[in-house]
Amino acid sequence: MILKPQAIIFDLDGVITDTAHLHFLAWRQVANEVGIAIDETFNDSLKGISRGESLQRILQYGGKAGEFTPEVCAQLAERKNRLYVHSLRQLTVNSVLPGIRELLMTLREERIPVGLASVSLNAPTILQSLDLSACFDFCADAALITHSKPDPEIFLAACAGLGVEPQQCIGIEDAQAGIDAINACGMLSVGIGTGLNGASLQFPSTEFLTWPCLSALWQHDK
């Protein structure tokens, strides 16, 4: 009998679809309004980080840390979110990254539960735009998460929601903070992209992410 993981837990941005550029455009506009210029290289450092923490990193980067009250910071974060949500209208069923829809269908055929561990408060809206909502058995509620990645809280929440043990699951991420969070849970980690450290398995892009590869990783480790 072939052993299978109890569940596969996915990050959203950079794994299911890529809205990094939409995040960048929204943050760049908000940053410009407070006199800070950011580029896409800096934006990469915000991957997997919550909205509030991202704003603090931008303010620190621009030498304006501590200049704004918590109320103003909340307003800036909300403005960024409105800009970003408006841009999500661009997403369609064709915005799913290569190979992901096929992988999700295969996991359903293999009867392997699928979870989502995204710190994006817009995750349900994004999945709906991609026509993938039915592919996920449980999505961790980012609104209930106290600690951002690399803290493992959201991955633990996804496992709890699915009723599975983290040590019996595989997590998939494209950000270092996410890989660190997965590893902290005791899950096997799969990294998408380059420049990631500590992943159990790594692929340059999602098109190489298949069930046979995930199954082989599981067999090898177990």
Protein backbone atom coordinates (compact mmCIF):
# COMPACT_ATOMS: atom_id res chain seq x y z
CA MET A 1 0.00 0.00 0.00
CA ILE A 2 1.38 3.41 -1.00
CA LEU A 3 1.52 5.86 1.87
CA LYS A 4 -0.06 9.26 1.24
CA PRO A 5 0.14 12.54 3.12
CA GLN A 6 -2.96 13.40 5.15
CA ALA A 7 -3.23 16.73 3.34
CA ILE A 8 -1.49 19.19 1.05
CA ILE A 9 -1.48 22.80 2.30
CA PHE A 10 -0.96 25.57 -0.26
CA ASP A 11 0.06 29.17 0.02
CA LEU A 12 -1.89 31.35 -2.41
CA ASP A 13 0.15 34.17 -3.91
CA GLY A 14 3.00 32.86 -6.04
CA VAL A 15 1.76 29.27 -5.79
CA ILE A 16 -1.89 29.26 -6.94
CA THR A 17 -1.81 32.57 -8.81
CA ASP A 18 0.55 35.53 -8.96
CA THR A 19 -0.81 38.81 -7.68
CA ALA A 20 2.60 40.09 -6.54
CA HIS A 21 2.61 42.78 -9.22
CA LEU A 22 -0.88 43.92 -8.17
CA HIS A 23 0.32 44.16 -4.56
CA PHE A 24 3.33 46.15 -5.74
CA LEU A 25 1.25 48.65 -7.72
CA ALA A 26 -1.04 49.24 -4.73
CA TRP A 27 1.82 49.59 -2.23
CA ARG A 28 3.78 51.83 -4.61
CA GLN A 29 0.85 54.23 -4.88
CA VAL A 30 0.35 54.39 -1.10
CA ALA A 31 4.10 54.76 -0.53
CA ASN A 32 4.28 57.58 -3.08
CA GLU A 33 1.50 59.41 -1.24
CA VAL A 34 3.63 59.54 1.91
CA GLY A 35 6.82 60.43 0.04
CA ILE A 36 8.45 57.00 -0.19
CA ALA A 37 9.62 55.38 -3.44
CA ILE A 38 9.71 51.58 -3.60
CA ASP A 39 10.59 49.23 -6.44
CA GLU A 40 9.69 45.61 -7.21
CA THR A 41 12.92 44.34 -5.67
CA PHE A 42 11.92 45.83 -2.33
CA ASN A 43 8.37 44.55 -2.84
CA ASP A 44 9.77 41.00 -3.02
CA SER A 45 10.80 41.38 0.64
CA LEU A 46 7.12 41.76 1.55
CA LYS A 47 6.17 38.30 0.27
CA GLY A 48 4.19 36.35 2.83
CA ILE A 49 4.07 39.30 5.24
CA SER A 50 0.83 40.72 6.61
CA ARG A 51 -0.54 44.06 5.42
CA GLY A 52 0.22 45.87 8.66
CA GLU A 53 3.76 44.56 8.87
CA SER A 54 4.34 45.35 5.18
CA LEU A 55 3.37 48.97 5.82
CA GLN A 56 5.78 49.18 8.76
CA ARG A 57 8.60 47.82 6.59
CA ILE A 58 7.83 50.40 3.91
CA LEU A 59 7.83 53.24 6.45
CA GLN A 60 11.11 52.01 7.92
CA TYR A 61 12.59 51.69 4.42
CA GLY A 62 11.61 55.30 3.69
CA GLY A 63 12.94 56.60 6.99
CA LYS A 64 9.48 57.41 8.29
CA ALA A 65 9.06 54.76 10.98
CA GLY A 66 7.11 56.16 13.92
CA GLU A 67 5.95 59.28 12.07
CA PHE A 68 2.34 58.13 11.73
CA THR A 69 -0.21 57.35 14.43
CA PRO A 70 -1.74 53.86 14.57
CA GLU A 71 -4.97 55.36 13.20
CA VAL A 72 -3.19 56.83 10.16
CA CYS A 73 -1.32 53.56 9.60
CA ALA A 74 -4.64 51.70 9.65
CA GLN A 75 -6.02 54.17 7.08
CA LEU A 76 -2.97 53.70 4.83
CA ALA A 77 -3.22 49.91 5.07
CA GLU A 78 -6.93 50.06 4.24
CA ARG A 79 -6.27 52.35 1.26
CA LYS A 80 -3.72 49.86 -0.06
CA ASN A 81 -6.27 47.09 0.33
CA ARG A 82 -8.96 48.99 -1.57
CA LEU A 83 -6.55 49.62 -4.45
CA TYR A 84 -5.51 45.96 -4.45
CA VAL A 85 -9.07 44.59 -4.26
CA HIS A 86 -10.08 46.81 -7.16
CA SER A 87 -7.19 45.39 -9.21
CA LEU A 88 -8.32 41.80 -8.48
CA ARG A 89 -11.06 42.33 -11.05
CA GLN A 90 -8.34 41.58 -13.58
CA LEU A 91 -8.12 37.96 -12.38
CA THR A 92 -9.85 35.24 -14.40
CA VAL A 93 -9.82 31.45 -14.63
CA ASN A 94 -6.77 31.91 -16.87
CA SER A 95 -4.81 33.53 -14.04
CA VAL A 96 -4.09 30.19 -12.33
CA LEU A 97 -0.37 29.38 -12.48
CA PRO A 98 0.76 26.54 -14.80
CA GLY A 99 -0.03 23.02 -13.63
CA ILE A 100 -1.92 24.04 -10.48
CA ARG A 101 -5.47 23.34 -11.67
CA GLU A 102 -4.37 19.90 -12.89
CA LEU A 103 -2.62 19.17 -9.59
CA LEU A 104 -5.69 20.14 -7.58
CA MET A 105 -7.87 17.87 -9.73
CA THR A 106 -5.45 14.98 -9.23
CA LEU A 107 -5.40 15.49 -5.47
CA ARG A 108 -9.20 15.31 -5.49
CA GLU A 109 -9.02 12.04 -7.45
CA GLU A 110 -6.47 10.70 -4.94
CA ARG A 111 -8.81 11.74 -2.09
CA ILE A 112 -6.14 13.89 -0.48
CA PRO A 113 -7.57 16.85 1.44
CA VAL A 114 -6.39 20.28 0.31
CA GLY A 115 -5.99 23.34 2.52
CA LEU A 116 -5.05 26.98 2.04
CA ALA A 117 -2.70 28.88 4.36
CA SER A 118 -2.63 32.45 3.06
CA VAL A 119 -2.28 35.61 5.14
CA SER A 120 -4.31 37.42 2.47
CA LEU A 121 -7.68 38.57 3.80
CA ASN A 122 -8.81 38.52 0.15
CA ALA A 123 -8.07 34.81 -0.36
CA PRO A 124 -11.74 33.71 -0.68
CA THR A 125 -12.39 36.43 -3.29
CA ILE A 126 -9.29 35.41 -5.25
CA LEU A 127 -10.21 31.71 -5.24
CA GLN A 128 -13.67 32.60 -6.45
CA SER A 129 -12.26 34.69 -9.31
CA LEU A 130 -10.04 31.75 -10.29
CA ASP A 131 -12.97 29.30 -10.05
CA LEU A 132 -11.00 27.20 -7.54
CA SER A 133 -13.11 27.55 -4.37
CA ALA A 134 -14.46 24.00 -4.68
CA CYS A 135 -10.91 22.58 -4.87
CA PHE A 136 -10.12 23.53 -1.26
CA ASP A 137 -11.50 21.59 1.68
CA PHE A 138 -10.50 24.26 4.21
CA CYS A 139 -9.07 27.77 4.04
CA ALA A 140 -7.48 29.19 7.19
CA ASP A 141 -9.07 32.52 8.11
CA ALA A 142 -6.31 35.14 7.97
CA ALA A 143 -8.47 37.47 10.09
CA LEU A 144 -8.04 35.10 13.04
CA ILE A 145 -4.25 34.87 12.73
CA THR A 146 -2.22 36.78 15.30
CA HIS A 147 1.29 36.08 14.01
CA SER A 148 2.45 36.35 10.38
CA LYS A 149 4.80 33.90 8.70
CA PRO A 150 7.50 32.79 9.52
CA ASP A 151 5.40 31.98 12.56
CA PRO A 152 3.67 28.64 11.80
CA GLU A 153 0.27 29.77 13.14
CA ILE A 154 -1.60 29.89 9.82
CA PHE A 155 -0.32 26.48 8.69
CA LEU A 156 -1.27 25.00 12.05
CA ALA A 157 -4.72 26.57 11.66
CA ALA A 158 -5.11 24.98 8.22
CA CYS A 159 -4.14 21.57 9.61
CA ALA A 160 -6.53 21.98 12.54
CA GLY A 161 -9.35 22.93 10.18
CA LEU A 162 -8.72 19.79 8.13
CA GLY A 163 -8.34 17.64 11.25
CA VAL A 164 -4.86 16.42 10.28
CA GLU A 165 -1.45 16.26 11.96
CA PRO A 166 1.12 18.75 10.58
CA GLN A 167 3.80 16.04 10.58
CA GLN A 168 1.62 14.08 8.15
CA CYS A 169 1.26 16.91 5.61
CA ILE A 170 3.13 18.71 2.84
CA GLY A 171 3.17 22.51 2.62
CA ILE A 172 3.87 24.46 -0.58
CA GLU A 173 5.26 28.02 -0.55
CA ASP A 174 7.13 30.54 -2.70
CA ALA A 175 8.49 32.77 0.08
CA GLN A 176 11.26 32.16 2.60
CA ALA A 177 8.98 33.21 5.46
CA GLY A 178 6.51 30.56 4.31
CA ILE A 179 9.12 27.81 4.03
CA ASP A 180 10.30 28.65 7.55
CA ALA A 181 6.70 28.51 8.79
CA ILE A 182 6.10 25.11 7.18
CA ASN A 183 9.32 23.70 8.61
CA ALA A 184 8.43 25.03 12.06
CA CYS A 185 5.23 22.95 11.92
CA GLY A 186 7.13 19.75 11.23
CA MET A 187 5.57 19.51 7.77
CA LEU A 188 7.53 18.63 4.64
CA SER A 189 8.13 21.83 2.67
CA VAL A 190 8.07 22.37 -1.08
CA GLY A 191 9.49 25.64 -2.41
CA ILE A 192 8.52 27.32 -5.67
CA GLY A 193 11.10 29.67 -7.18
CA THR A 194 14.74 30.44 -6.49
CA GLY A 195 16.73 31.69 -3.53
CA LEU A 196 14.84 29.61 -0.94
CA ASN A 197 16.63 27.82 1.87
CA GLY A 198 15.56 24.76 3.83
CA ALA A 199 12.85 23.38 1.54
CA SER A 200 12.53 19.58 1.44
CA LEU A 201 11.99 19.88 -2.33
CA GLN A 202 12.29 22.86 -4.65
CA PHE A 203 11.03 23.64 -8.15
CA PRO A 204 11.80 26.65 -10.35
CA SER A 205 8.11 27.10 -11.19
CA THR A 206 4.69 25.53 -10.62
CA GLU A 207 4.66 23.64 -13.91
CA PHE A 208 7.03 21.09 -12.35
CA LEU A 209 4.78 20.64 -9.31
CA THR A 210 2.94 17.35 -9.88
CA TRP A 211 1.39 14.66 -7.72
CA PRO A 212 4.03 12.04 -8.75
CA CYS A 213 6.76 14.42 -7.49
CA LEU A 214 4.93 15.09 -4.22
CA SER A 215 4.24 11.37 -3.77
CA ALA A 216 7.89 10.50 -4.40
CA LEU A 217 8.94 13.09 -1.79
CA TRP A 218 6.54 11.55 0.71
CA GLN A 219 7.70 7.98 0.02
CA HIS A 220 11.32 8.99 0.33
CA ASP A 221 10.83 10.79 3.62
CA LYS A 222 8.58 8.17 5.20
